[in-house]
Protein backbone atom coordinates (compact mmCIF):
# COMPACT_ATOMS: atom_id res chain seq x y z
CA MET A 1 56.98 107.56 112.29
CA MET A 2 55.74 111.02 112.78
CA ALA A 3 54.99 113.66 110.04
CA THR A 4 56.68 117.01 110.12
CA GLU A 5 54.86 120.19 110.32
CA PRO A 6 54.70 121.72 106.87
CA ASP A 7 56.49 125.00 106.50
CA LYS A 8 53.99 127.67 107.75
CA ALA A 9 54.84 130.20 104.77
CA LYS A 10 54.03 127.25 102.28
CA VAL A 11 50.70 126.69 104.11
CA ASP A 12 49.80 130.34 104.02
CA ALA A 13 50.85 130.57 100.50
CA LEU A 14 48.52 127.74 99.52
CA THR A 15 45.80 128.62 101.85
CA SER A 16 45.76 132.20 100.12
CA LYS A 17 45.76 130.91 96.59
CA LEU A 18 43.14 128.47 97.66
CA SER A 19 41.03 131.10 98.96
CA GLU A 20 40.76 133.09 95.89
CA SER A 21 38.49 130.25 94.30
CA ILE A 22 36.10 129.78 97.26
CA GLU A 23 32.78 131.70 98.10
CA PRO A 24 31.54 130.71 101.58
CA ASP A 25 28.06 129.01 101.47
CA GLU A 26 25.12 130.16 103.64
CA GLN A 27 26.65 129.01 106.87
CA GLY A 28 29.90 130.73 106.09
CA ARG A 29 31.78 127.43 105.44
CA PRO A 30 34.48 127.46 102.56
CA PRO A 31 33.49 124.69 100.10
CA LEU A 32 36.35 123.30 97.88
CA LYS A 33 35.52 122.21 94.32
CA ILE A 34 38.18 121.31 91.95
CA SER A 35 38.40 120.09 88.51
CA LEU A 36 40.72 116.93 88.24
CA PRO A 37 42.09 115.85 84.36
CA SER A 38 41.18 112.25 85.14
CA ASP A 39 39.64 109.59 87.17
CA GLU A 40 43.30 108.38 87.81
CA ALA A 41 44.21 112.02 89.21
CA LEU A 42 41.28 111.55 91.54
CA ARG A 43 42.82 108.02 92.66
CA ASP A 44 46.05 109.71 93.10
CA LEU A 45 44.96 112.75 95.16
CA ALA A 46 42.94 109.97 97.36
CA SER A 47 46.12 108.00 97.70
CA THR A 48 48.14 110.90 98.64
CA LEU A 49 45.64 112.22 101.36
CA ALA A 50 45.29 108.75 102.93
CA ARG A 51 49.00 108.59 103.12
CA ARG A 52 49.31 112.00 104.92
CA LEU A 53 46.22 111.13 107.44
CA GLY A 54 48.22 107.89 108.29
């Protein structure tokens, strides 16, 4: 089963929102640091990413 490509406008909007809280590191890379409400939320995020990555 092939995943469909996400809506470009949604990706652009999410990228823009995420970029608001990112300051590039010394090498210009965009680090992403988020606060989650619980360990369970971290597990849920990991599960979602694992499904999306196949």
